[in-house]
């Protein structure tokens, strides 16, 4: 185990990463991680990086169906509908 505050070399970080890949987390560990991250705000830089990482990924048909189902029956405000209309003007579908 590494002492807190110790700087790790890139090589060491890579070795630790490889050693942890594929490990299954227990339900208790998952719960603790969930509790620790709830309510934390992501920085704009972090949000941008997540966005970049997800661009170009193809969603499975199951995922598309679930997203569609969760949005079905959702009421949009007049302002939201106006913004959507403006953003789609001139776009060929």
N, C-alpha and C. Protein backbone atom coordinates (compact mmCIF):
# COMPACT_ATOMS: atom_id res chain seq x y z
N UNK A 1 0.84 -1.18 0.00
CA UNK A 1 0.00 0.00 0.00
C UNK A 1 0.88 1.24 0.00
N UNK A 2 0.43 2.26 -0.64
CA UNK A 2 1.20 3.49 -0.78
C UNK A 2 0.79 4.48 0.32
N UNK A 3 1.78 5.19 0.88
CA UNK A 3 1.49 6.20 1.89
C UNK A 3 0.74 7.36 1.24
N UNK A 4 -0.15 7.96 2.01
CA UNK A 4 -0.89 9.12 1.51
C UNK A 4 0.07 10.25 1.20
N UNK A 5 -0.18 10.94 0.09
CA UNK A 5 0.64 12.08 -0.27
C UNK A 5 1.87 11.72 -1.07
N UNK A 6 2.14 10.44 -1.25
CA UNK A 6 3.32 10.01 -2.00
C UNK A 6 3.04 10.14 -3.49
N UNK A 7 3.95 10.73 -4.23
CA UNK A 7 3.80 10.85 -5.67
C UNK A 7 4.24 9.55 -6.32
N UNK A 8 3.40 9.01 -7.16
CA UNK A 8 3.71 7.77 -7.86
C UNK A 8 4.22 8.07 -9.26
N UNK A 9 5.17 7.27 -9.71
CA UNK A 9 5.66 7.44 -11.07
C UNK A 9 4.60 6.94 -12.03
N UNK A 10 4.69 7.37 -13.28
CA UNK A 10 3.73 6.92 -14.30
C UNK A 10 3.77 5.41 -14.43
N UNK A 11 4.96 4.83 -14.35
CA UNK A 11 5.10 3.39 -14.47
C UNK A 11 4.38 2.67 -13.33
N UNK A 12 4.53 3.17 -12.11
CA UNK A 12 3.87 2.56 -10.95
C UNK A 12 2.36 2.68 -11.07
N UNK A 13 1.90 3.86 -11.50
CA UNK A 13 0.46 4.05 -11.67
C UNK A 13 -0.11 3.08 -12.69
N UNK A 14 0.65 2.84 -13.77
CA UNK A 14 0.22 1.92 -14.81
C UNK A 14 0.14 0.49 -14.26
N UNK A 15 1.13 0.10 -13.46
CA UNK A 15 1.14 -1.24 -12.87
C UNK A 15 -0.06 -1.45 -11.94
N UNK A 16 -0.35 -0.45 -11.12
CA UNK A 16 -1.50 -0.54 -10.21
C UNK A 16 -2.79 -0.64 -11.01
N UNK A 17 -2.89 0.16 -12.07
CA UNK A 17 -4.07 0.14 -12.92
C UNK A 17 -4.28 -1.24 -13.53
N UNK A 18 -3.21 -1.81 -14.08
CA UNK A 18 -3.30 -3.14 -14.70
C UNK A 18 -3.70 -4.20 -13.67
N UNK A 19 -3.15 -4.10 -12.46
CA UNK A 19 -3.44 -5.08 -11.41
C UNK A 19 -4.90 -5.02 -10.99
N UNK A 20 -5.51 -3.85 -11.05
CA UNK A 20 -6.89 -3.69 -10.60
C UNK A 20 -7.93 -3.93 -11.68
N UNK A 21 -7.51 -3.99 -12.93
CA UNK A 21 -8.46 -4.19 -14.02
C UNK A 21 -9.11 -5.57 -13.92
N UNK A 22 -10.42 -5.59 -14.10
CA UNK A 22 -11.15 -6.85 -14.09
C UNK A 22 -11.58 -7.31 -12.71
N UNK A 23 -11.15 -6.62 -11.65
CA UNK A 23 -11.55 -7.01 -10.30
C UNK A 23 -13.02 -6.65 -10.09
N UNK A 24 -13.74 -7.54 -9.45
CA UNK A 24 -15.14 -7.30 -9.14
C UNK A 24 -15.25 -6.64 -7.78
N UNK A 25 -16.05 -5.57 -7.70
CA UNK A 25 -16.26 -4.87 -6.44
C UNK A 25 -17.42 -5.50 -5.70
N UNK A 26 -17.29 -5.62 -4.38
CA UNK A 26 -18.37 -6.18 -3.57
C UNK A 26 -19.51 -5.16 -3.50
N UNK A 27 -20.69 -5.63 -3.13
CA UNK A 27 -21.84 -4.73 -3.00
C UNK A 27 -21.57 -3.66 -1.95
N UNK A 28 -20.86 -4.05 -0.87
CA UNK A 28 -20.53 -3.10 0.19
C UNK A 28 -19.61 -2.01 -0.34
N UNK A 29 -18.61 -2.39 -1.13
CA UNK A 29 -17.68 -1.42 -1.70
C UNK A 29 -18.41 -0.48 -2.65
N UNK A 30 -19.29 -1.03 -3.47
CA UNK A 30 -20.07 -0.20 -4.39
C UNK A 30 -20.92 0.81 -3.62
N UNK A 31 -21.52 0.35 -2.50
CA UNK A 31 -22.36 1.23 -1.69
C UNK A 31 -21.52 2.37 -1.10
N UNK A 32 -20.33 2.03 -0.60
CA UNK A 32 -19.45 3.05 -0.01
C UNK A 32 -19.02 4.08 -1.04
N UNK A 33 -18.66 3.62 -2.23
CA UNK A 33 -18.26 4.54 -3.30
C UNK A 33 -19.43 5.46 -3.65
N UNK A 34 -20.62 4.88 -3.73
CA UNK A 34 -21.82 5.65 -4.05
C UNK A 34 -22.06 6.73 -3.01
N UNK A 35 -21.97 6.38 -1.73
CA UNK A 35 -22.19 7.34 -0.65
C UNK A 35 -21.14 8.45 -0.67
N UNK A 36 -19.90 8.09 -0.97
CA UNK A 36 -18.81 9.06 -0.95
C UNK A 36 -18.92 10.08 -2.08
N UNK A 37 -19.51 9.68 -3.20
CA UNK A 37 -19.55 10.58 -4.35
C UNK A 37 -20.87 11.33 -4.49
N UNK A 38 -21.86 10.99 -3.69
CA UNK A 38 -23.15 11.68 -3.78
C UNK A 38 -23.03 13.14 -3.38
N UNK A 39 -23.61 14.01 -4.18
CA UNK A 39 -23.64 15.43 -3.85
C UNK A 39 -22.39 16.19 -4.26
N UNK A 40 -21.37 15.51 -4.76
CA UNK A 40 -20.15 16.20 -5.16
C UNK A 40 -20.37 16.87 -6.51
N UNK A 41 -19.86 18.08 -6.64
CA UNK A 41 -19.99 18.83 -7.89
C UNK A 41 -18.77 18.56 -8.75
N UNK A 42 -19.00 18.33 -10.03
CA UNK A 42 -17.90 18.11 -10.97
C UNK A 42 -17.44 19.46 -11.53
N UNK A 43 -16.14 19.61 -11.70
CA UNK A 43 -15.61 20.84 -12.27
C UNK A 43 -15.96 20.89 -13.76
N UNK A 44 -15.91 22.07 -14.34
CA UNK A 44 -16.20 22.23 -15.76
C UNK A 44 -15.22 21.41 -16.60
N UNK A 45 -13.96 21.37 -16.16
CA UNK A 45 -12.95 20.59 -16.87
C UNK A 45 -13.29 19.10 -16.85
N UNK A 46 -13.74 18.60 -15.70
CA UNK A 46 -14.11 17.19 -15.58
C UNK A 46 -15.32 16.89 -16.47
N UNK A 47 -16.29 17.78 -16.47
CA UNK A 47 -17.48 17.60 -17.31
C UNK A 47 -17.08 17.55 -18.79
N UNK A 48 -16.14 18.43 -19.18
CA UNK A 48 -15.70 18.46 -20.57
C UNK A 48 -15.01 17.16 -20.94
N UNK A 49 -14.17 16.65 -20.05
CA UNK A 49 -13.46 15.40 -20.32
C UNK A 49 -14.42 14.22 -20.45
N UNK A 50 -15.42 14.16 -19.59
CA UNK A 50 -16.41 13.09 -19.67
C UNK A 50 -17.16 13.19 -20.99
N UNK A 51 -17.53 14.43 -21.36
CA UNK A 51 -18.23 14.65 -22.62
C UNK A 51 -17.40 14.17 -23.81
N UNK A 52 -16.12 14.53 -23.83
CA UNK A 52 -15.23 14.11 -24.92
C UNK A 52 -15.10 12.59 -24.98
N UNK A 53 -15.02 11.95 -23.82
CA UNK A 53 -14.84 10.50 -23.77
C UNK A 53 -16.08 9.78 -24.31
N UNK A 54 -17.26 10.38 -24.14
CA UNK A 54 -18.50 9.73 -24.55
C UNK A 54 -18.91 10.05 -25.98
N UNK A 55 -18.28 11.03 -26.60
CA UNK A 55 -18.65 11.39 -27.96
C UNK A 55 -18.28 10.27 -28.92
N UNK A 56 -19.20 9.96 -29.82
CA UNK A 56 -18.94 8.93 -30.82
C UNK A 56 -19.30 7.53 -30.38
N UNK A 57 -19.64 7.36 -29.10
CA UNK A 57 -20.02 6.03 -28.61
C UNK A 57 -21.42 5.70 -29.13
N UNK A 58 -21.60 4.48 -29.57
CA UNK A 58 -22.89 4.04 -30.06
C UNK A 58 -23.70 3.45 -28.91
N UNK A 59 -24.96 3.87 -28.79
CA UNK A 59 -25.84 3.34 -27.77
C UNK A 59 -26.50 2.07 -28.28
N UNK A 60 -26.64 1.08 -27.39
CA UNK A 60 -27.31 -0.16 -27.78
C UNK A 60 -28.80 0.12 -27.94
N UNK A 61 -29.50 -0.78 -28.64
CA UNK A 61 -30.94 -0.61 -28.83
C UNK A 61 -31.66 -0.63 -27.48
N UNK A 62 -31.17 -1.46 -26.56
CA UNK A 62 -31.76 -1.54 -25.22
C UNK A 62 -31.62 -0.19 -24.49
N UNK A 63 -30.45 0.41 -24.58
CA UNK A 63 -30.22 1.71 -23.93
C UNK A 63 -31.12 2.77 -24.54
N UNK A 64 -31.21 2.78 -25.86
CA UNK A 64 -32.08 3.75 -26.54
C UNK A 64 -33.53 3.59 -26.10
N UNK A 65 -33.98 2.33 -25.94
CA UNK A 65 -35.35 2.05 -25.52
C UNK A 65 -35.59 2.56 -24.10
N UNK A 66 -34.61 2.36 -23.23
CA UNK A 66 -34.76 2.82 -21.84
C UNK A 66 -34.80 4.34 -21.76
N UNK A 67 -33.95 5.02 -22.51
CA UNK A 67 -33.95 6.48 -22.52
C UNK A 67 -35.29 6.99 -23.04
N UNK A 68 -35.76 6.38 -24.12
CA UNK A 68 -37.03 6.77 -24.70
C UNK A 68 -38.17 6.58 -23.70
N UNK A 69 -38.15 5.45 -23.01
CA UNK A 69 -39.19 5.16 -22.02
C UNK A 69 -39.20 6.15 -20.87
N UNK A 70 -38.02 6.55 -20.44
CA UNK A 70 -37.95 7.48 -19.31
C UNK A 70 -38.40 8.88 -19.70
N UNK A 71 -38.31 9.22 -20.98
CA UNK A 71 -38.73 10.54 -21.45
C UNK A 71 -40.17 10.58 -21.93
N UNK A 72 -40.80 9.42 -22.11
CA UNK A 72 -42.17 9.36 -22.59
C UNK A 72 -43.11 9.99 -21.56
N UNK A 73 -43.95 10.90 -22.03
CA UNK A 73 -44.92 11.55 -21.16
C UNK A 73 -44.37 12.74 -20.41
N UNK A 74 -43.11 13.06 -20.62
CA UNK A 74 -42.48 14.18 -19.93
C UNK A 74 -42.97 15.49 -20.53
N UNK A 75 -43.36 16.43 -19.67
CA UNK A 75 -43.88 17.71 -20.14
C UNK A 75 -42.74 18.70 -20.26
N UNK A 76 -42.60 19.31 -21.42
CA UNK A 76 -41.57 20.32 -21.64
C UNK A 76 -42.19 21.70 -21.55
N UNK A 77 -41.45 22.64 -20.97
CA UNK A 77 -41.95 24.01 -20.85
C UNK A 77 -41.99 24.66 -22.23
N UNK A 78 -42.77 25.72 -22.33
CA UNK A 78 -42.86 26.45 -23.60
C UNK A 78 -41.50 26.99 -24.01
N UNK A 79 -40.72 27.44 -23.02
CA UNK A 79 -39.40 27.98 -23.31
C UNK A 79 -38.49 26.88 -23.89
N UNK A 80 -38.54 25.69 -23.29
CA UNK A 80 -37.71 24.58 -23.77
C UNK A 80 -38.11 24.20 -25.19
N UNK A 81 -39.42 24.15 -25.44
CA UNK A 81 -39.90 23.81 -26.78
C UNK A 81 -39.45 24.84 -27.81
N UNK A 82 -39.45 26.13 -27.42
CA UNK A 82 -39.01 27.20 -28.31
C UNK A 82 -37.52 27.04 -28.62
N UNK A 83 -36.72 26.78 -27.58
CA UNK A 83 -35.28 26.61 -27.78
C UNK A 83 -34.99 25.43 -28.70
N UNK A 84 -35.71 24.32 -28.50
CA UNK A 84 -35.51 23.15 -29.35
C UNK A 84 -35.87 23.47 -30.80
N UNK A 85 -36.95 24.21 -30.98
CA UNK A 85 -37.38 24.60 -32.31
C UNK A 85 -36.32 25.45 -33.00
N UNK A 86 -35.79 26.42 -32.27
CA UNK A 86 -34.75 27.31 -32.82
C UNK A 86 -33.50 26.53 -33.21
N UNK A 87 -33.09 25.59 -32.36
CA UNK A 87 -31.87 24.86 -32.63
C UNK A 87 -31.98 23.90 -33.81
N UNK A 88 -33.23 23.51 -34.14
CA UNK A 88 -33.42 22.56 -35.23
C UNK A 88 -33.74 23.24 -36.56
N UNK A 89 -33.92 24.55 -36.55
CA UNK A 89 -34.24 25.25 -37.79
C UNK A 89 -33.05 25.18 -38.74
N UNK A 90 -33.30 24.81 -39.97
CA UNK A 90 -32.25 24.74 -40.98
C UNK A 90 -31.47 23.42 -40.96
N UNK A 91 -31.84 22.50 -40.05
CA UNK A 91 -31.16 21.22 -39.97
C UNK A 91 -31.97 20.19 -40.74
N UNK A 92 -31.31 19.51 -41.66
CA UNK A 92 -32.00 18.48 -42.44
C UNK A 92 -31.90 17.15 -41.70
N UNK A 93 -33.05 16.52 -41.48
CA UNK A 93 -33.06 15.23 -40.78
C UNK A 93 -33.08 14.12 -41.76
